[in-house]
PDB file of N, CA and C in Angstrom:
ATOM      1  N   MET A   1      -8.700 -18.976  36.507  1.00  0.00           N
ATOM      2  CA  MET A   1      -8.116 -18.035  36.911  1.00  0.00           C
ATOM      3  C   MET A   1      -6.870 -18.210  35.300  1.00  0.00           C
ATOM      4  N   LYS A   2      -7.879 -16.265  35.540  1.00  0.00           N
ATOM      5  CA  LYS A   2      -7.170 -15.997  34.233  1.00  0.00           C
ATOM      6  C   LYS A   2      -5.298 -15.146  34.277  1.00  0.00           C
ATOM      7  N   GLU A   3      -5.109 -15.874  33.020  1.00  0.00           N
ATOM      8  CA  GLU A   3      -3.206 -15.726  32.845  1.00  0.00           C
ATOM      9  C   GLU A   3      -3.622 -14.516  32.277  1.00  0.00           C
ATOM     10  N   PRO A   4      -1.733 -13.987  33.211  1.00  0.00           N
ATOM     11  CA  PRO A   4      -1.391 -12.929  34.350  1.00  0.00           C
ATOM     12  C   PRO A   4      -1.488 -12.067  32.959  1.00  0.00           C
ATOM     13  N   TRP A   5      -1.332 -12.629  30.684  1.00  0.00           N
ATOM     14  CA  TRP A   5      -1.047 -12.194  29.871  1.00  0.00           C
ATOM     15  C   TRP A   5      -2.143 -11.235  29.353  1.00  0.00           C
ATOM     16  N   MET A   6      -3.553 -12.131  29.375  1.00  0.00           N
ATOM     17  CA  MET A   6      -4.961 -11.808  29.519  1.00  0.00           C
ATOM     18  C   MET A   6      -5.237 -10.643  29.296  1.00  0.00           C
ATOM     19  N   THR A   7      -4.633  -9.517  29.531  1.00  0.00           N
ATOM     20  CA  THR A   7      -5.258  -8.367  29.353  1.00  0.00           C
ATOM     21  C   THR A   7      -5.969  -7.656  29.298  1.00  0.00           C
ATOM     22  N   GLY A   8      -6.792  -6.226  29.576  1.00  0.00           N
ATOM     23  CA  GLY A   8      -7.798  -5.709  28.943  1.00  0.00           C
ATOM     24  C   GLY A   8      -8.111  -5.442  27.023  1.00  0.00           C
ATOM     25  N   ASP A   9      -6.560  -5.160  26.946  1.00  0.00           N
ATOM     26  CA  ASP A   9      -6.179  -4.853  24.640  1.00  0.00           C
ATOM     27  C   ASP A   9      -6.023  -6.011  24.033  1.00  0.00           C
ATOM     28  N   VAL A  10      -5.504  -6.979  25.077  1.00  0.00           N
ATOM     29  CA  VAL A  10      -5.829  -8.417  24.480  1.00  0.00           C
ATOM     30  C   VAL A  10      -7.130  -8.907  24.604  1.00  0.00           C
ATOM     31  N   GLN A  11      -7.571  -8.990  25.551  1.00  0.00           N
ATOM     32  CA  GLN A  11      -8.831  -9.541  25.529  1.00  0.00           C
ATOM     33  C   GLN A  11      -9.843  -8.785  24.690  1.00  0.00           C
ATOM     34  N   THR A  12     -10.370  -6.844  24.525  1.00  0.00           N
ATOM     35  CA  THR A  12     -10.766  -6.378  23.281  1.00  0.00           C
ATOM     36  C   THR A  12     -10.026  -6.094  21.602  1.00  0.00           C
ATOM     37  N   MET A  13      -8.567  -7.528  21.154  1.00  0.00           N
ATOM     38  CA  MET A  13      -8.267  -7.495  20.130  1.00  0.00           C
ATOM     39  C   MET A  13      -8.669  -9.339  19.746  1.00  0.00           C
ATOM     40  N   LEU A  14      -8.843 -10.204  20.901  1.00  0.00           N
ATOM     41  CA  LEU A  14      -9.509 -11.293  20.644  1.00  0.00           C
ATOM     42  C   LEU A  14     -11.047 -11.010  20.801  1.00  0.00           C
ATOM     43  N   ALA A  15     -11.780  -9.865  21.209  1.00  0.00           N
ATOM     44  CA  ALA A  15     -13.835 -10.158  20.310  1.00  0.00           C
ATOM     45  C   ALA A  15     -13.606  -9.177  18.707  1.00  0.00           C
ATOM     46  N   LYS A  16     -12.561  -9.290  18.533  1.00  0.00           N
ATOM     47  CA  LYS A  16     -12.033  -8.337  17.340  1.00  0.00           C
ATOM     48  C   LYS A  16     -12.254  -8.887  16.733  1.00  0.00           C
ATOM     49  N   ALA A  17     -11.051 -10.362  16.450  1.00  0.00           N
ATOM     50  CA  ALA A  17     -10.662 -10.871  15.640  1.00  0.00           C
ATOM     51  C   ALA A  17     -11.374 -11.821  14.730  1.00  0.00           C
ATOM     52  N   LYS A  18     -11.526 -11.617  14.050  1.00  0.00           N
ATOM     53  CA  LYS A  18     -12.564 -12.666  13.086  1.00  0.00           C
ATOM     54  C   LYS A  18     -12.800 -14.675  13.091  1.00  0.00           C
ATOM     55  N   HIS A  19     -11.946 -14.548  14.379  1.00  0.00           N
ATOM     56  CA  HIS A  19     -12.380 -16.256  14.253  1.00  0.00           C
ATOM     57  C   HIS A  19     -11.291 -15.719  16.003  1.00  0.00           C
ATOM     58  N   PRO A  20     -12.295 -15.277  17.152  1.00  0.00           N
ATOM     59  CA  PRO A  20     -12.114 -15.107  18.851  1.00  0.00           C
ATOM     60  C   PRO A  20     -11.497 -16.401  19.161  1.00  0.00           C
ATOM     61  N   GLN A  21     -12.271 -17.731  19.521  1.00  0.00           N
ATOM     62  CA  GLN A  21     -12.049 -19.264  19.995  1.00  0.00           C
ATOM     63  C   GLN A  21     -11.049 -19.467  19.462  1.00  0.00           C
ATOM     64  N   GLU A  22     -10.602 -19.625  17.998  1.00  0.00           N
ATOM     65  CA  GLU A  22      -9.283 -20.392  17.698  1.00  0.00           C
ATOM     66  C   GLU A  22      -8.252 -19.385  17.807  1.00  0.00           C
ATOM     67  N   THR A  23      -8.446 -18.105  18.075  1.00  0.00           N
ATOM     68  CA  THR A  23      -7.395 -16.902  18.200  1.00  0.00           C
ATOM     69  C   THR A  23      -6.870 -16.991  19.435  1.00  0.00           C
ATOM     70  N   GLU A  24      -7.371 -17.462  20.395  1.00  0.00           N
ATOM     71  CA  GLU A  24      -7.362 -17.192  21.612  1.00  0.00           C
ATOM     72  C   GLU A  24      -6.703 -18.732  22.104  1.00  0.00           C
ATOM     73  N   ALA A  25      -6.765 -20.006  21.630  1.00  0.00           N
ATOM     74  CA  ALA A  25      -6.285 -21.115  22.388  1.00  0.00           C
ATOM     75  C   ALA A  25      -4.864 -21.743  21.054  1.00  0.00           C
ATOM     76  N   ALA A  26      -4.845 -20.230  19.997  1.00  0.00           N
ATOM     77  CA  ALA A  26      -3.078 -20.470  19.067  1.00  0.00           C
ATOM     78  C   ALA A  26      -2.434 -19.351  20.558  1.00  0.00           C
ATOM     79  N   LEU A  27      -2.742 -18.426  20.705  1.00  0.00           N
ATOM     80  CA  LEU A  27      -2.263 -17.947  22.532  1.00  0.00           C
ATOM     81  C   LEU A  27      -2.222 -19.136  22.779  1.00  0.00           C
ATOM     82  N   ILE A  28      -3.397 -19.268  23.668  1.00  0.00           N
ATOM     83  CA  ILE A  28      -2.298 -20.073  24.908  1.00  0.00           C
ATOM     84  C   ILE A  28      -1.275 -21.183  24.183  1.00  0.00           C
ATOM     85  N   TYR A  29      -1.648 -21.448  23.277  1.00  0.00           N
ATOM     86  CA  TYR A  29      -0.482 -22.507  22.488  1.00  0.00           C
ATOM     87  C   TYR A  29       0.400 -21.963  22.809  1.00  0.00           C
ATOM     88  N   THR A  30       0.574 -20.529  22.076  1.00  0.00           N
ATOM     89  CA  THR A  30       1.998 -19.888  22.500  1.00  0.00           C
ATOM     90  C   THR A  30       2.540 -19.334  22.919  1.00  0.00           C
ATOM     91  N   PHE A  31       1.837 -19.534  24.102  1.00  0.00           N
ATOM     92  CA  PHE A  31       1.992 -18.780  25.811  1.00  0.00           C
ATOM     93  C   PHE A  31       2.573 -19.329  26.951  1.00  0.00           C
ATOM     94  N   LYS A  32       1.504 -20.929  26.007  1.00  0.00           N
ATOM     95  CA  LYS A  32       3.089 -22.890  26.609  1.00  0.00           C
ATOM     96  C   LYS A  32       4.670 -22.984  26.028  1.00  0.00           C
ATOM     97  N   LEU A  33       4.426 -22.633  24.535  1.00  0.00           N
ATOM     98  CA  LEU A  33       5.819 -22.404  23.962  1.00  0.00           C
ATOM     99  C   LEU A  33       6.556 -21.398  24.444  1.00  0.00           C
ATOM    100  N   MET A  34       6.861 -20.223  24.582  1.00  0.00           N
ATOM    101  CA  MET A  34       7.160 -19.316  24.974  1.00  0.00           C
ATOM    102  C   MET A  34       7.758 -19.360  27.132  1.00  0.00           C
ATOM    103  N   THR A  35       7.131 -19.619  27.094  1.00  0.00           N
ATOM    104  CA  THR A  35       7.211 -19.690  28.280  1.00  0.00           C
ATOM    105  C   THR A  35       7.997 -21.385  29.864  1.00  0.00           C
ATOM    106  N   ALA A  36       7.906 -22.190  27.849  1.00  0.00           N
ATOM    107  CA  ALA A  36       8.795 -23.182  27.896  1.00  0.00           C
ATOM    108  C   ALA A  36      10.449 -22.921  28.110  1.00  0.00           C
ATOM    109  N   ALA A  37       9.857 -21.644  26.651  1.00  0.00           N
ATOM    110  CA  ALA A  37      11.173 -21.261  26.195  1.00  0.00           C
ATOM    111  C   ALA A  37      11.973 -20.314  27.658  1.00  0.00           C
ATOM    112  N   ASP A  38      11.336 -20.176  28.600  1.00  0.00           N
ATOM    113  CA  ASP A  38      12.045 -17.919  29.297  1.00  0.00           C
ATOM    114  C   ASP A  38      11.833 -17.252  28.197  1.00  0.00           C
ATOM    115  N   ILE A  39      10.840 -17.312  27.567  1.00  0.00           N
ATOM    116  CA  ILE A  39      10.347 -16.098  27.219  1.00  0.00           C
ATOM    117  C   ILE A  39       8.891 -15.494  27.577  1.00  0.00           C
ATOM    118  N   HIS A  40       9.454 -14.185  27.500  1.00  0.00           N
ATOM    119  CA  HIS A  40       8.158 -13.528  28.872  1.00  0.00           C
ATOM    120  C   HIS A  40       8.410 -12.500  27.935  1.00  0.00           C
ATOM    121  N   PRO A  41       6.795 -12.095  26.636  1.00  0.00           N
ATOM    122  CA  PRO A  41       6.639 -10.829  26.746  1.00  0.00           C
ATOM    123  C   PRO A  41       6.094  -9.849  26.904  1.00  0.00           C
ATOM    124  N   THR A  42       6.611  -8.590  26.561  1.00  0.00           N
ATOM    125  CA  THR A  42       6.073  -6.585  27.151  1.00  0.00           C
ATOM    126  C   THR A  42       4.752  -7.173  26.882  1.00  0.00           C
ATOM    127  N   GLU A  43       3.647  -6.122  27.593  1.00  0.00           N
ATOM    128  CA  GLU A  43       2.331  -6.506  27.445  1.00  0.00           C
ATOM    129  C   GLU A  43       2.208  -5.486  26.018  1.00  0.00           C
ATOM    130  N   LEU A  44       2.754  -5.002  25.432  1.00  0.00           N
ATOM    131  CA  LEU A  44       3.033  -4.251  24.170  1.00  0.00           C
ATOM    132  C   LEU A  44       2.891  -5.319  23.336  1.00  0.00           C
ATOM    133  N   GLN A  45       4.052  -5.845  23.477  1.00  0.00           N
ATOM    134  CA  GLN A  45       4.676  -6.979  22.511  1.00  0.00           C
ATOM    135  C   GLN A  45       3.944  -8.139  22.117  1.00  0.00           C
ATOM    136  N   THR A  46       3.150  -8.360  23.879  1.00  0.00           N
ATOM    137  CA  THR A  46       2.181  -9.232  23.677  1.00  0.00           C
ATOM    138  C   THR A  46       0.187  -8.932  22.530  1.00  0.00           C
ATOM    139  N   VAL A  47       0.963  -8.051  22.361  1.00  0.00           N
ATOM    140  CA  VAL A  47      -0.434  -7.082  22.078  1.00  0.00           C
ATOM    141  C   VAL A  47       0.251  -7.494  20.427  1.00  0.00           C
ATOM    142  N   ILE A  48       0.161  -6.917  19.838  1.00  0.00           N
ATOM    143  CA  ILE A  48       0.912  -7.547  18.851  1.00  0.00           C
ATOM    144  C   ILE A  48       0.726  -8.667  17.775  1.00  0.00           C
ATOM    145  N   LEU A  49       1.077  -9.751  19.563  1.00  0.00           N
ATOM    146  CA  LEU A  49       0.816 -10.927  18.854  1.00  0.00           C
ATOM    147  C   LEU A  49       0.593 -11.487  18.930  1.00  0.00           C
ATOM    148  N   THR A  50      -0.390 -11.243  19.626  1.00  0.00           N
ATOM    149  CA  THR A  50      -1.242 -11.119  19.304  1.00  0.00           C
ATOM    150  C   THR A  50      -3.317 -10.741  17.792  1.00  0.00           C
ATOM    151  N   ASN A  51      -2.518  -9.874  17.613  1.00  0.00           N
ATOM    152  CA  ASN A  51      -2.434  -9.162  16.252  1.00  0.00           C
ATOM    153  C   ASN A  51      -2.351  -9.931  14.548  1.00  0.00           C
ATOM    154  N   HIS A  52      -0.778 -10.748  15.232  1.00  0.00           N
ATOM    155  CA  HIS A  52      -0.198 -10.978  14.088  1.00  0.00           C
ATOM    156  C   HIS A  52      -0.972 -12.587  13.876  1.00  0.00           C
ATOM    157  N   LEU A  53      -0.945 -13.332  15.519  1.00  0.00           N
ATOM    158  CA  LEU A  53      -2.161 -13.977  15.393  1.00  0.00           C
ATOM    159  C   LEU A  53      -2.780 -13.902  14.799  1.00  0.00           C
ATOM    160  N   SER A  54      -4.002 -13.182  15.669  1.00  0.00           N
ATOM    161  CA  SER A  54      -5.460 -13.238  13.807  1.00  0.00           C
ATOM    162  C   SER A  54      -5.578 -12.822  12.736  1.00  0.00           C
ATOM    163  N   GLU A  55      -4.519 -13.654  12.676  1.00  0.00           N
ATOM    164  CA  GLU A  55      -4.531 -12.925  10.808  1.00  0.00           C
ATOM    165  C   GLU A  55      -3.765 -13.844  10.242  1.00  0.00           C
ATOM    166  N   MET A  56      -3.091 -14.920  11.248  1.00  0.00           N
ATOM    167  CA  MET A  56      -2.479 -16.449  11.393  1.00  0.00           C
ATOM    168  C   MET A  56      -3.323 -17.232  11.533  1.00  0.00           C
ATOM    169  N   VAL A  57      -4.232 -16.962  12.069  1.00  0.00           N
ATOM    170  CA  VAL A  57      -5.463 -17.482  12.516  1.00  0.00           C
ATOM    171  C   VAL A  57      -6.290 -17.819  10.991  1.00  0.00           C
ATOM    172  N   ASP A  58      -6.603 -16.570  10.394  1.00  0.00           N
ATOM    173  CA  ASP A  58      -7.324 -16.206   9.249  1.00  0.00           C
ATOM    174  C   ASP A  58      -7.119 -17.038   8.802  1.00  0.00           C
ATOM    175  N   ARG A  59      -5.190 -16.133   7.988  1.00  0.00           N
ATOM    176  CA  ARG A  59      -5.346 -17.351   7.385  1.00  0.00           C
ATOM    177  C   ARG A  59      -5.134 -18.534   7.123  1.00  0.00           C
ATOM    178  N   SER A  60      -4.870 -19.475   8.032  1.00  0.00           N
ATOM    179  CA  SER A  60      -5.054 -20.754   8.215  1.00  0.00           C
ATOM    180  C   SER A  60      -6.153 -21.245   7.379  1.00  0.00           C
ATOM    181  N   ILE A  61      -7.286 -21.015   7.567  1.00  0.00           N
ATOM    182  CA  ILE A  61      -9.321 -20.885   7.798  1.00  0.00           C
ATOM    183  C   ILE A  61      -9.270 -20.986   6.440  1.00  0.00           C
ATOM    184  N   SER A  62      -8.673 -19.673   6.208  1.00  0.00           N
ATOM    185  CA  SER A  62      -9.528 -19.548   4.493  1.00  0.00           C
ATOM    186  C   SER A  62      -8.562 -19.313   3.515  1.00  0.00           C
ATOM    187  N   GLY A  63      -7.545 -20.101   4.102  1.00  0.00           N
ATOM    188  CA  GLY A  63      -6.286 -20.196   2.915  1.00  0.00           C
ATOM    189  C   GLY A  63      -5.879 -19.837   2.550  1.00  0.00           C
ATOM    190  N   ASP A  64      -6.083 -18.326   2.444  1.00  0.00           N
ATOM    191  CA  ASP A  64      -4.801 -17.898   1.559  1.00  0.00           C
ATOM    192  C   ASP A  64      -3.568 -17.792   1.939  1.00  0.00           C
ATOM    193  N   ARG A  65      -2.328 -16.615   1.607  1.00  0.00           N
ATOM    194  CA  ARG A  65      -0.995 -17.100   1.846  1.00  0.00           C
ATOM    195  C   ARG A  65      -0.673 -15.834   1.837  1.00  0.00           C
ATOM    196  N   LEU A  66       0.526 -15.424   3.126  1.00  0.00           N
ATOM    197  CA  LEU A  66       1.617 -14.578   3.195  1.00  0.00           C
ATOM    198  C   LEU A  66       2.202 -15.264   2.000  1.00  0.00           C
ATOM    199  N   ALA A  67       2.548 -13.638   0.941  1.00  0.00           N
ATOM    200  CA  ALA A  67       4.297 -13.736   0.536  1.00  0.00           C
ATOM    201  C   ALA A  67       5.049 -14.173   0.386  1.00  0.00           C
ATOM    202  N   ASP A  68       6.034 -15.428  -0.381  1.00  0.00           N
ATOM    203  CA  ASP A  68       7.017 -15.914   0.273  1.00  0.00           C
ATOM    204  C   ASP A  68       8.466 -14.463   0.138  1.00  0.00           C
ATOM    205  N   VAL A  69       9.195 -14.775   1.681  1.00  0.00           N
ATOM    206  CA  VAL A  69      10.201 -14.154   2.037  1.00  0.00           C
ATOM    207  C   VAL A  69      12.087 -14.945   2.353  1.00  0.00           C
ATOM    208  N   ASP A  70      12.426 -14.050   2.120  1.00  0.00           N
ATOM    209  CA  ASP A  70      13.730 -15.191   1.751  1.00  0.00           C
ATOM    210  C   ASP A  70      14.102 -15.223   3.227  1.00  0.00           C
ATOM    211  N   PRO A  71      14.006 -16.572   3.811  1.00  0.00           N
ATOM    212  CA  PRO A  71      14.892 -16.700   4.710  1.00  0.00           C
ATOM    213  C   PRO A  71      15.598 -15.786   4.746  1.00  0.00           C
ATOM    214  N   ALA A  72      16.823 -16.380   4.396  1.00  0.00           N
ATOM    215  CA  ALA A  72      18.451 -14.748   4.731  1.00  0.00           C
ATOM    216  C   ALA A  72      17.602 -14.136   4.755  1.00  0.00           C
ATOM    217  N   MET A  73      17.351 -13.587   5.377  1.00  0.00           N
ATOM    218  CA  MET A  73      16.480 -11.878   5.359  1.00  0.00           C
ATOM    219  C   MET A  73      16.730 -12.263   8.083  1.00  0.00           C
ATOM    220  N   PHE A  74      16.492 -13.641   7.977  1.00  0.00           N
ATOM    221  CA  PHE A  74      16.185 -14.272   9.044  1.00  0.00           C
ATOM    222  C   PHE A  74      17.655 -14.575   9.676  1.00  0.00           C
ATOM    223  N   ASP A  75      18.794 -14.493   9.114  1.00  0.00           N
ATOM    224  CA  ASP A  75      20.492 -15.095   9.815  1.00  0.00           C
ATOM    225  C   ASP A  75      19.683 -14.962  10.794  1.00  0.00           C
ATOM    226  N   GLY A  76      19.521 -13.684  11.608  1.00  0.00           N
ATOM    227  CA  GLY A  76      19.631 -12.857  12.845  1.00  0.00           C
ATOM    228  C   GLY A  76      19.267 -13.598  13.685  1.00  0.00           C
ATOM    229  N   VAL A  77      17.765 -14.538  13.226  1.00  0.00           N
ATOM    230  CA  VAL A  77      17.267 -15.079  14.413  1.00  0.00           C
ATOM    231  C   VAL A  77      17.444 -16.361  15.062  1.00  0.00           C
ATOM    232  N   SER A  78      17.500 -16.252  16.688  1.00  0.00           N
ATOM    233  CA  SER A  78      18.153 -17.353  16.716  1.00  0.00           C
ATOM    234  C   SER A  78      17.423 -18.661  16.429  1.00  0.00           C
ATOM    235  N   PRO A  79      17.354 -19.577  16.579  1.00  0.00           N
ATOM    236  CA  PRO A  79      16.766 -21.246  16.354  1.00  0.00           C
ATOM    237  C   PRO A  79      16.003 -21.268  17.544  1.00  0.00           C
ATOM    238  N   GLN A  80      16.257 -20.999  18.275  1.00  0.00           N
ATOM    239  CA  GLN A  80      15.051 -21.165  19.691  1.00  0.00           C
ATOM    240  C   GLN A  80      13.672 -20.694  18.893  1.00  0.00           C
ATOM    241  N   ALA A  81      13.769 -19.472  18.581  1.00  0.00           N
ATOM    242  CA  ALA A  81      12.365 -18.243  18.245  1.00  0.00           C
ATOM    243  C   ALA A  81      11.911 -18.858  16.616  1.00  0.00           C
ATOM    244  N   LEU A  82      13.055 -19.472  16.009  1.00  0.00           N
ATOM    245  CA  LEU A  82      12.155 -20.182  14.655  1.00  0.00           C
ATOM    246  C   LEU A  82      11.654 -21.546  14.937  1.00  0.00           C
ATOM    247  N   ALA A  83      12.398 -22.034  16.020  1.00  0.00           N
ATOM    248  CA  ALA A  83      11.714 -23.594  16.176  1.00  0.00           C
ATOM    249  C   ALA A  83      10.285 -22.811  17.442  1.00  0.00           C
ATOM    250  N   ILE A  84      10.151 -22.583  17.397  1.00  0.00           N
ATOM    251  CA  ILE A  84       8.396 -21.802  18.307  1.00  0.00           C
ATOM    252  C   ILE A  84       8.154 -21.493  17.558  1.00  0.00           C
ATOM    253  N   ALA A  85       8.433 -20.915  15.700  1.00  0.00           N
ATOM    254  CA  ALA A  85       7.763 -19.848  15.132  1.00  0.00           C
ATOM    255  C   ALA A  85       7.413 -21.976  14.513  1.00  0.00           C
ATOM    256  N   GLY A  86       8.162 -22.128  14.053  1.00  0.00           N
ATOM    257  CA  GLY A  86       7.912 -23.347  13.778  1.00  0.00           C
ATOM    258  C   GLY A  86       6.970 -24.706  14.016  1.00  0.00           C
ATOM    259  N   LYS A  87       6.452 -24.983  15.257  1.00  0.00           N
ATOM    260  CA  LYS A  87       5.410 -25.159  15.458  1.00  0.00           C
ATOM    261  C   LYS A  87       4.641 -24.955  16.000  1.00  0.00           C
ATOM    262  N   LEU A  88       4.492 -23.137  15.919  1.00  0.00           N
ATOM    263  CA  LEU A  88       3.138 -22.058  16.526  1.00  0.00           C
ATOM    264  C   LEU A  88       2.283 -23.074  14.692  1.00  0.00           C
ATOM    265  N   VAL A  89       3.479 -23.134  13.379  1.00  0.00           N
ATOM    266  CA  VAL A  89       2.871 -23.054  12.295  1.00  0.00           C
ATOM    267  C   VAL A  89       2.772 -23.920  12.413  1.00  0.00           C
ATOM    268  N   ASP A  90       3.205 -24.663  12.174  1.00  0.00           N
ATOM    269  CA  ASP A  90       2.423 -26.415  11.739  1.00  0.00           C
ATOM    270  C   ASP A  90       1.102 -26.884  13.100  1.00  0.00           C
ATOM    271  N   HIS A  91       1.479 -25.972  13.848  1.00  0.00           N
ATOM    272  CA  HIS A  91      -0.252 -26.514  14.431  1.00  0.00           C
ATOM    273  C   HIS A  91      -1.372 -25.844  13.967  1.00  0.00           C
ATOM    274  N   LEU A  92      -1.076 -25.333  13.830  1.00  0.00           N
ATOM    275  CA  LEU A  92      -2.567 -24.031  12.749  1.00  0.00           C
ATOM    276  C   LEU A  92      -2.682 -24.315  11.316  1.00  0.00           C
ATOM    277  N   GLY A  93      -1.468 -24.807  10.779  1.00  0.00           N
ATOM    278  CA  GLY A  93      -2.216 -25.582  10.079  1.00  0.00           C
ATOM    279  C   GLY A  93      -2.244 -24.939   9.110  1.00  0.00           C
ATOM    280  N   ASN A  94      -1.530 -26.054   7.242  1.00  0.00           N
ATOM    281  CA  ASN A  94      -2.777 -24.722   6.075  1.00  0.00           C
ATOM    282  C   ASN A  94      -1.856 -23.449   6.098  1.00  0.00           C
ATOM    283  N   LEU A  95      -0.731 -22.841   6.429  1.00  0.00           N
ATOM    284  CA  LEU A  95      -0.087 -21.334   6.393  1.00  0.00           C
ATOM    285  C   LEU A  95       1.385 -21.648   5.940  1.00  0.00           C
ATOM    286  N   ALA A  96       1.690 -20.469   4.827  1.00  0.00           N
ATOM    287  CA  ALA A  96       2.163 -20.955   3.840  1.00  0.00           C
ATOM    288  C   ALA A  96       3.623 -21.384   5.296  1.00  0.00           C
ATOM    289  N   GLU A  97       5.255 -21.502   4.264  1.00  0.00           N
ATOM    290  CA  GLU A  97       6.340 -21.486   5.580  1.00  0.00           C
ATOM    291  C   GLU A  97       6.756 -19.918   5.782  1.00  0.00           C
ATOM    292  N   SER A  98       6.333 -19.241   4.868  1.00  0.00           N
ATOM    293  CA  SER A  98       7.597 -17.824   5.205  1.00  0.00           C
ATOM    294  C   SER A  98       6.012 -17.231   6.892  1.00  0.00           C
ATOM    295  N   GLU A  99       5.400 -17.743   6.677  1.00  0.00           N
ATOM    296  CA  GLU A  99       4.880 -17.567   8.388  1.00  0.00           C
ATOM    297  C   GLU A  99       5.560 -17.849   9.051  1.00  0.00           C
ATOM    298  N   LYS A 100       5.988 -18.937   8.900  1.00  0.00           N
ATOM    299  CA  LYS A 100       7.283 -19.341  10.825  1.00  0.00           C
ATOM    300  C   LYS A 100       8.266 -18.128   9.933  1.00  0.00           C
ATOM    301  N   TYR A 101       9.040 -17.592   9.400  1.00  0.00           N
ATOM    302  CA  TYR A 101      10.037 -16.684   9.125  1.00  0.00           C
ATOM    303  C   TYR A 101       9.297 -15.120  10.391  1.00  0.00           C
ATOM    304  N   VAL A 102       8.563 -15.139   9.689  1.00  0.00           N
ATOM    305  CA  VAL A 102       7.647 -13.674  10.082  1.00  0.00           C
ATOM    306  C   VAL A 102       7.364 -13.071  11.433  1.00  0.00           C
ATOM    307  N   ALA A 103       6.245 -14.498  12.279  1.00  0.00           N
ATOM    308  CA  ALA A 103       6.174 -15.222  13.356  1.00  0.00           C
ATOM    309  C   ALA A 103       7.880 -15.270  13.971  1.00  0.00           C
ATOM    310  N   SER A 104       8.179 -15.916  13.562  1.00  0.00           N
ATOM    311  CA  SER A 104       9.681 -15.930  14.568  1.00  0.00           C
ATOM    312  C   SER A 104      10.565 -14.753  15.216  1.00  0.00           C
ATOM    313  N   ILE A 105       9.973 -13.173  14.588  1.00  0.00           N
ATOM    314  CA  ILE A 105      10.650 -12.274  14.661  1.00  0.00           C
ATOM    315  C   ILE A 105       9.533 -11.530  16.128  1.00  0.00           C
ATOM    316  N   HIS A 106       8.179 -12.307  16.709  1.00  0.00           N
ATOM    317  CA  HIS A 106       8.123 -11.836  17.882  1.00  0.00           C
ATOM    318  C   HIS A 106       9.081 -12.829  18.952  1.00  0.00           C
ATOM    319  N   PHE A 107       8.324 -13.917  18.796  1.00  0.00           N
ATOM    320  CA  PHE A 107       9.835 -14.935  20.698  1.00  0.00           C
ATOM    321  C   PHE A 107      11.410 -14.204  19.647  1.00  0.00           C
ATOM    322  N   GLU A 108      11.745 -13.945  18.955  1.00  0.00           N
ATOM    323  CA  GLU A 108      13.053 -13.397  18.614  1.00  0.00           C
ATOM    324  C   GLU A 108      13.335 -11.921  20.165  1.00  0.00           C
ATOM    325  N   THR A 109      12.534 -11.121  19.035  1.00  0.00           N
ATOM    326  CA  THR A 109      12.017  -9.830  20.298  1.00  0.00           C
ATOM    327  C   THR A 109      12.354  -9.597  21.204  1.00  0.00           C
ATOM    328  N   ALA A 110      11.046 -10.841  22.187  1.00  0.00           N
ATOM    329  CA  ALA A 110      10.672 -11.020  23.360  1.00  0.00           C
ATOM    330  C   ALA A 110      11.819 -12.079  23.466  1.00  0.00           C
ATOM    331  N   LYS A 111      12.068 -12.247  23.108  1.00  0.00           N
ATOM    332  CA  LYS A 111      13.654 -12.904  23.615  1.00  0.00           C
ATOM    333  C   LYS A 111      15.152 -12.193  25.030  1.00  0.00           C
ATOM    334  N   ASN A 112      14.824 -10.300  23.985  1.00  0.00           N
ATOM    335  CA  ASN A 112      15.908  -9.809  23.813  1.00  0.00           C
ATOM    336  C   ASN A 112      16.408  -9.296  24.501  1.00  0.00           C
ATOM    337  N   ASN A 113      14.401  -8.969  25.226  1.00  0.00           N
ATOM    338  CA  ASN A 113      13.804  -8.001  26.876  1.00  0.00           C
ATOM    339  C   ASN A 113      14.918  -7.758  27.817  1.00  0.00           C
TER     340      ASN A 113
END
């Protein structure tokens, strides 16, 4: 059964990803976390998240690092969004700490729909 968030746009992005299977697996994992937290992104938010996940998966595999960020810039992000992002970063592995903060914005935005 196809997931409701697996739209044509998401499928197209997955097909263009450097690591499509790993990106799809990350997306499935992420949606399990969001669903458990009762967070439901819009279709556009899902497409943007898919793009970011594709980049995160690539960095996880390649070992490239996202630049450091100041955690204070993310003081307005809820603990719930940060926790989901932290689980995602831990799940993917081999990522910089800054990934958690940058990814948390997707969950915070979707939480506020």
